[in-house]
Amino acid sequence: MSVNTNNAYGKISISDLAIAKVASHTAMESYGIVEMVSRRFTDSLSMLLKKESAGKGIKVTTSGNRIYVDVYVIMKYGISISAVAESLKEAIKYKVEAFTGMVVDTVNVNVIGVKL
């Protein structure tokens, strides 16, 4: 799927993978995030076979002009999980809205584990 919009210059279509790459890059820049993890075992297996892992740990769903993002991360041990999760939500929302020009309705942060 993709997000579509029109402006004075024509039609713009942004793929879910492009949005996932922006969200993934933003998450890895955030303090307290150690790594992104796949949602399912089959995703992990397919990532092993591919060289490109951009978008790993991100699920993007679009509905009309609304974008829904699910993030699956492993956080650093000893930090406030709620503070880092809130910061991550705001950062992803801001960067994806700036990138697409669309409204990000929901960002769900799923903490899969912690690492030292």
N, C-alpha and C. Protein backbone atom coordinates (compact mmCIF):
# COMPACT_ATOMS: atom_id res chain seq x y z
N MET A 1 0.85 -1.18 0.00
CA MET A 1 0.00 0.00 0.00
C MET A 1 0.89 1.23 0.00
N SER A 2 0.26 2.35 -0.22
CA SER A 2 0.99 3.61 -0.20
C SER A 2 0.03 4.74 0.16
N VAL A 3 0.62 5.86 0.51
CA VAL A 3 -0.14 7.06 0.83
C VAL A 3 -0.14 7.93 -0.42
N ASN A 4 -1.30 8.42 -0.81
CA ASN A 4 -1.43 9.23 -2.01
C ASN A 4 -1.96 10.61 -1.65
N THR A 5 -1.46 11.62 -2.35
CA THR A 5 -1.95 12.98 -2.18
C THR A 5 -1.80 13.72 -3.50
N ASN A 6 -2.52 14.79 -3.63
CA ASN A 6 -2.45 15.63 -4.82
C ASN A 6 -2.10 17.04 -4.41
N ASN A 7 -1.33 17.71 -5.24
CA ASN A 7 -1.08 19.14 -5.04
C ASN A 7 -1.11 19.82 -6.41
N ALA A 8 -0.69 21.07 -6.47
CA ALA A 8 -0.76 21.83 -7.70
C ALA A 8 0.13 21.24 -8.80
N TYR A 9 1.14 20.49 -8.41
CA TYR A 9 2.09 19.94 -9.39
C TYR A 9 1.74 18.54 -9.86
N GLY A 10 0.80 17.88 -9.20
CA GLY A 10 0.42 16.55 -9.61
C GLY A 10 0.18 15.62 -8.43
N LYS A 11 0.21 14.32 -8.72
CA LYS A 11 -0.06 13.29 -7.71
C LYS A 11 1.24 12.82 -7.07
N ILE A 12 1.20 12.62 -5.76
CA ILE A 12 2.36 12.11 -5.02
C ILE A 12 1.95 10.81 -4.34
N SER A 13 2.78 9.79 -4.50
CA SER A 13 2.54 8.49 -3.89
C SER A 13 3.79 8.10 -3.10
N ILE A 14 3.61 7.81 -1.81
CA ILE A 14 4.73 7.43 -0.94
C ILE A 14 4.47 6.01 -0.44
N SER A 15 5.41 5.11 -0.70
CA SER A 15 5.22 3.71 -0.33
C SER A 15 5.37 3.52 1.19
N ASP A 16 4.78 2.44 1.68
CA ASP A 16 4.89 2.11 3.09
C ASP A 16 6.33 1.80 3.47
N LEU A 17 7.10 1.23 2.55
CA LEU A 17 8.50 0.93 2.83
C LEU A 17 9.31 2.21 3.05
N ALA A 18 9.03 3.24 2.27
CA ALA A 18 9.73 4.52 2.45
C ALA A 18 9.40 5.12 3.81
N ILE A 19 8.14 5.03 4.22
CA ILE A 19 7.73 5.54 5.53
C ILE A 19 8.39 4.71 6.62
N ALA A 20 8.46 3.38 6.43
CA ALA A 20 9.10 2.50 7.41
C ALA A 20 10.58 2.81 7.55
N LYS A 21 11.25 3.14 6.46
CA LYS A 21 12.67 3.49 6.52
C LYS A 21 12.89 4.76 7.33
N VAL A 22 12.04 5.76 7.15
CA VAL A 22 12.15 7.00 7.91
C VAL A 22 11.92 6.72 9.40
N ALA A 23 10.90 5.94 9.71
CA ALA A 23 10.60 5.61 11.10
C ALA A 23 11.73 4.80 11.73
N SER A 24 12.29 3.85 10.99
CA SER A 24 13.37 3.02 11.50
C SER A 24 14.62 3.85 11.77
N HIS A 25 14.95 4.72 10.85
CA HIS A 25 16.12 5.59 11.02
C HIS A 25 15.93 6.51 12.23
N THR A 26 14.75 7.03 12.39
CA THR A 26 14.45 7.89 13.54
C THR A 26 14.56 7.12 14.85
N ALA A 27 14.07 5.89 14.87
CA ALA A 27 14.13 5.08 16.09
C ALA A 27 15.57 4.77 16.46
N MET A 28 16.40 4.45 15.48
CA MET A 28 17.79 4.11 15.79
C MET A 28 18.60 5.32 16.23
N GLU A 29 18.15 6.53 15.90
CA GLU A 29 18.80 7.76 16.37
C GLU A 29 18.39 8.11 17.79
N SER A 30 17.31 7.55 18.26
CA SER A 30 16.76 7.91 19.57
C SER A 30 17.58 7.32 20.70
N TYR A 31 17.68 8.07 21.78
CA TYR A 31 18.41 7.62 22.96
C TYR A 31 17.68 6.44 23.60
N GLY A 32 18.44 5.43 23.99
CA GLY A 32 17.87 4.30 24.71
C GLY A 32 17.44 3.15 23.85
N ILE A 33 17.44 3.31 22.53
CA ILE A 33 17.05 2.22 21.63
C ILE A 33 18.32 1.48 21.21
N VAL A 34 18.36 0.18 21.50
CA VAL A 34 19.53 -0.63 21.17
C VAL A 34 19.40 -1.20 19.77
N GLU A 35 18.24 -1.79 19.47
CA GLU A 35 18.03 -2.34 18.13
C GLU A 35 16.55 -2.50 17.84
N MET A 36 16.28 -2.69 16.55
CA MET A 36 14.94 -2.95 16.08
C MET A 36 14.80 -4.46 15.92
N VAL A 37 13.63 -5.00 16.22
CA VAL A 37 13.42 -6.44 16.10
C VAL A 37 12.22 -6.71 15.21
N SER A 38 12.24 -7.85 14.57
CA SER A 38 11.14 -8.25 13.69
C SER A 38 9.94 -8.66 14.51
N ARG A 39 8.77 -8.50 13.93
CA ARG A 39 7.53 -8.80 14.63
C ARG A 39 7.29 -10.30 14.75
N ARG A 40 7.66 -11.04 13.71
CA ARG A 40 7.40 -12.48 13.69
C ARG A 40 8.66 -13.22 13.28
N PHE A 41 8.69 -14.51 13.55
CA PHE A 41 9.83 -15.34 13.18
C PHE A 41 10.02 -15.35 11.66
N THR A 42 8.94 -15.38 10.91
CA THR A 42 9.06 -15.42 9.45
C THR A 42 9.69 -14.13 8.93
N ASP A 43 9.43 -13.01 9.61
CA ASP A 43 10.09 -11.76 9.23
C ASP A 43 11.59 -11.85 9.47
N SER A 44 11.98 -12.47 10.59
CA SER A 44 13.41 -12.62 10.90
C SER A 44 14.09 -13.49 9.86
N LEU A 45 13.41 -14.55 9.45
CA LEU A 45 13.97 -15.45 8.45
C LEU A 45 14.13 -14.75 7.11
N SER A 46 13.15 -13.96 6.72
CA SER A 46 13.25 -13.26 5.44
C SER A 46 14.33 -12.17 5.49
N MET A 47 14.55 -11.57 6.67
CA MET A 47 15.59 -10.56 6.80
C MET A 47 16.99 -11.18 6.69
N LEU A 48 17.13 -12.45 7.11
CA LEU A 48 18.41 -13.13 6.99
C LEU A 48 18.78 -13.34 5.53
N LEU A 49 17.78 -13.58 4.70
CA LEU A 49 18.02 -13.84 3.29
C LEU A 49 18.25 -12.57 2.49
N LYS A 50 17.76 -11.45 2.98
CA LYS A 50 17.93 -10.17 2.30
C LYS A 50 19.13 -9.44 2.89
N LYS A 51 19.78 -8.65 2.08
CA LYS A 51 20.89 -7.84 2.58
C LYS A 51 20.38 -6.56 3.22
N GLU A 52 19.29 -6.03 2.72
CA GLU A 52 18.75 -4.76 3.21
C GLU A 52 17.81 -5.03 4.37
N SER A 53 18.08 -4.38 5.50
CA SER A 53 17.22 -4.57 6.66
C SER A 53 16.49 -3.28 7.03
N ALA A 54 16.41 -2.34 6.10
CA ALA A 54 15.70 -1.10 6.37
C ALA A 54 14.22 -1.39 6.56
N GLY A 55 13.64 -0.79 7.54
CA GLY A 55 12.24 -1.02 7.82
C GLY A 55 12.03 -2.17 8.78
N LYS A 56 13.10 -2.79 9.24
CA LYS A 56 13.00 -3.90 10.18
C LYS A 56 12.42 -3.38 11.49
N GLY A 57 11.44 -4.11 12.02
CA GLY A 57 10.83 -3.72 13.28
C GLY A 57 9.78 -2.64 13.16
N ILE A 58 9.38 -2.32 11.94
CA ILE A 58 8.38 -1.27 11.71
C ILE A 58 7.24 -1.86 10.91
N LYS A 59 6.02 -1.59 11.33
CA LYS A 59 4.84 -1.96 10.55
C LYS A 59 4.07 -0.67 10.28
N VAL A 60 3.87 -0.38 9.01
CA VAL A 60 3.15 0.83 8.60
C VAL A 60 1.83 0.42 7.97
N THR A 61 0.75 1.02 8.46
CA THR A 61 -0.57 0.80 7.90
C THR A 61 -1.13 2.16 7.51
N THR A 62 -1.71 2.23 6.32
CA THR A 62 -2.30 3.48 5.88
C THR A 62 -3.78 3.29 5.61
N SER A 63 -4.53 4.32 5.92
CA SER A 63 -5.96 4.32 5.66
C SER A 63 -6.34 5.73 5.25
N GLY A 64 -6.56 5.92 3.96
CA GLY A 64 -6.84 7.26 3.46
C GLY A 64 -5.60 8.12 3.60
N ASN A 65 -5.73 9.25 4.28
CA ASN A 65 -4.59 10.12 4.53
C ASN A 65 -4.03 9.93 5.93
N ARG A 66 -4.41 8.87 6.60
CA ARG A 66 -3.94 8.58 7.97
C ARG A 66 -2.87 7.50 7.93
N ILE A 67 -1.86 7.65 8.78
CA ILE A 67 -0.77 6.70 8.86
C ILE A 67 -0.72 6.15 10.28
N TYR A 68 -0.61 4.83 10.39
CA TYR A 68 -0.49 4.15 11.67
C TYR A 68 0.84 3.41 11.67
N VAL A 69 1.65 3.62 12.71
CA VAL A 69 2.99 3.02 12.78
C VAL A 69 3.11 2.18 14.05
N ASP A 70 3.57 0.94 13.88
CA ASP A 70 3.90 0.07 15.01
C ASP A 70 5.41 -0.13 14.99
N VAL A 71 6.05 0.08 16.16
CA VAL A 71 7.49 -0.02 16.28
C VAL A 71 7.83 -1.12 17.28
N TYR A 72 8.75 -2.01 16.92
CA TYR A 72 9.17 -3.10 17.78
C TYR A 72 10.65 -2.92 18.09
N VAL A 73 10.99 -2.65 19.37
CA VAL A 73 12.35 -2.29 19.73
C VAL A 73 12.85 -3.07 20.94
N ILE A 74 14.17 -3.07 21.08
CA ILE A 74 14.83 -3.50 22.30
C ILE A 74 15.50 -2.27 22.88
N MET A 75 15.25 -2.02 24.17
CA MET A 75 15.77 -0.82 24.82
C MET A 75 16.96 -1.14 25.70
N LYS A 76 17.69 -0.09 26.04
CA LYS A 76 18.85 -0.19 26.90
C LYS A 76 18.40 -0.42 28.34
N TYR A 77 19.10 -1.30 29.06
CA TYR A 77 18.78 -1.60 30.45
C TYR A 77 19.08 -0.39 31.33
N GLY A 78 18.19 -0.11 32.27
CA GLY A 78 18.43 0.93 33.27
C GLY A 78 17.84 2.29 32.93
N ILE A 79 17.13 2.40 31.83
CA ILE A 79 16.52 3.68 31.48
C ILE A 79 15.03 3.61 31.76
N SER A 80 14.40 4.75 31.77
CA SER A 80 12.95 4.80 31.96
C SER A 80 12.27 4.41 30.65
N ILE A 81 11.65 3.25 30.66
CA ILE A 81 11.02 2.74 29.44
C ILE A 81 9.90 3.67 28.97
N SER A 82 9.11 4.17 29.90
CA SER A 82 7.99 5.04 29.51
C SER A 82 8.48 6.36 28.92
N ALA A 83 9.55 6.92 29.48
CA ALA A 83 10.08 8.19 28.97
C ALA A 83 10.67 8.01 27.56
N VAL A 84 11.41 6.93 27.37
CA VAL A 84 12.00 6.68 26.05
C VAL A 84 10.91 6.37 25.03
N ALA A 85 9.90 5.61 25.44
CA ALA A 85 8.80 5.28 24.52
C ALA A 85 8.04 6.53 24.10
N GLU A 86 7.76 7.42 25.04
CA GLU A 86 7.06 8.68 24.70
C GLU A 86 7.90 9.54 23.77
N SER A 87 9.20 9.63 24.06
CA SER A 87 10.11 10.40 23.21
C SER A 87 10.17 9.81 21.81
N LEU A 88 10.21 8.49 21.72
CA LEU A 88 10.24 7.81 20.44
C LEU A 88 8.96 8.05 19.64
N LYS A 89 7.82 8.00 20.32
CA LYS A 89 6.53 8.27 19.66
C LYS A 89 6.52 9.65 19.03
N GLU A 90 6.94 10.65 19.82
CA GLU A 90 6.92 12.03 19.32
C GLU A 90 7.90 12.23 18.17
N ALA A 91 9.10 11.63 18.28
CA ALA A 91 10.10 11.78 17.23
C ALA A 91 9.63 11.15 15.92
N ILE A 92 9.08 9.94 16.00
CA ILE A 92 8.60 9.27 14.79
C ILE A 92 7.43 10.03 14.18
N LYS A 93 6.51 10.47 15.02
CA LYS A 93 5.36 11.24 14.54
C LYS A 93 5.82 12.50 13.80
N TYR A 94 6.75 13.23 14.40
CA TYR A 94 7.24 14.47 13.80
C TYR A 94 7.95 14.21 12.47
N LYS A 95 8.88 13.23 12.45
CA LYS A 95 9.67 12.98 11.25
C LYS A 95 8.81 12.44 10.10
N VAL A 96 7.89 11.53 10.40
CA VAL A 96 7.05 10.96 9.34
C VAL A 96 6.08 12.02 8.81
N GLU A 97 5.52 12.85 9.68
CA GLU A 97 4.63 13.91 9.21
C GLU A 97 5.39 14.92 8.36
N ALA A 98 6.62 15.25 8.74
CA ALA A 98 7.43 16.18 7.95
C ALA A 98 7.80 15.57 6.60
N PHE A 99 8.06 14.26 6.58
CA PHE A 99 8.45 13.56 5.35
C PHE A 99 7.28 13.42 4.38
N THR A 100 6.10 13.06 4.90
CA THR A 100 4.98 12.76 4.02
C THR A 100 4.02 13.93 3.82
N GLY A 101 3.93 14.80 4.79
CA GLY A 101 2.92 15.86 4.73
C GLY A 101 1.54 15.37 5.11
N MET A 102 1.47 14.15 5.62
CA MET A 102 0.21 13.53 6.04
C MET A 102 0.14 13.50 7.56
N VAL A 103 -1.00 13.10 8.08
CA VAL A 103 -1.21 13.03 9.52
C VAL A 103 -0.87 11.62 10.00
N VAL A 104 0.01 11.53 11.00
CA VAL A 104 0.29 10.25 11.66
C VAL A 104 -0.69 10.15 12.81
N ASP A 105 -1.61 9.21 12.69
CA ASP A 105 -2.67 9.07 13.68
C ASP A 105 -2.18 8.40 14.95
N THR A 106 -1.44 7.30 14.81
CA THR A 106 -1.01 6.53 15.97
C THR A 106 0.39 6.00 15.76
N VAL A 107 1.20 6.08 16.82
CA VAL A 107 2.51 5.42 16.86
C VAL A 107 2.48 4.52 18.10
N ASN A 108 2.54 3.21 17.88
CA ASN A 108 2.57 2.25 19.00
C ASN A 108 4.00 1.74 19.15
N VAL A 109 4.54 1.88 20.37
CA VAL A 109 5.88 1.38 20.66
C VAL A 109 5.75 0.09 21.44
N ASN A 110 6.28 -0.99 20.88
CA ASN A 110 6.25 -2.31 21.52
C ASN A 110 7.67 -2.64 21.96
N VAL A 111 7.89 -2.70 23.28
CA VAL A 111 9.20 -3.03 23.81
C VAL A 111 9.28 -4.54 23.94
N ILE A 112 10.14 -5.15 23.14
CA ILE A 112 10.27 -6.60 23.11
C ILE A 112 11.22 -7.08 24.20
N GLY A 113 12.20 -6.27 24.56
CA GLY A 113 13.14 -6.67 25.60
C GLY A 113 14.09 -5.54 25.95
N VAL A 114 15.04 -5.85 26.85
CA VAL A 114 16.07 -4.90 27.25
C VAL A 114 17.43 -5.58 27.14
N LYS A 115 18.46 -4.78 26.88
CA LYS A 115 19.83 -5.28 26.81
C LYS A 115 20.74 -4.40 27.64
N LEU A 116 21.82 -4.97 28.12
CA LEU A 116 22.80 -4.22 28.89
C LEU A 116 23.60 -3.29 28.02
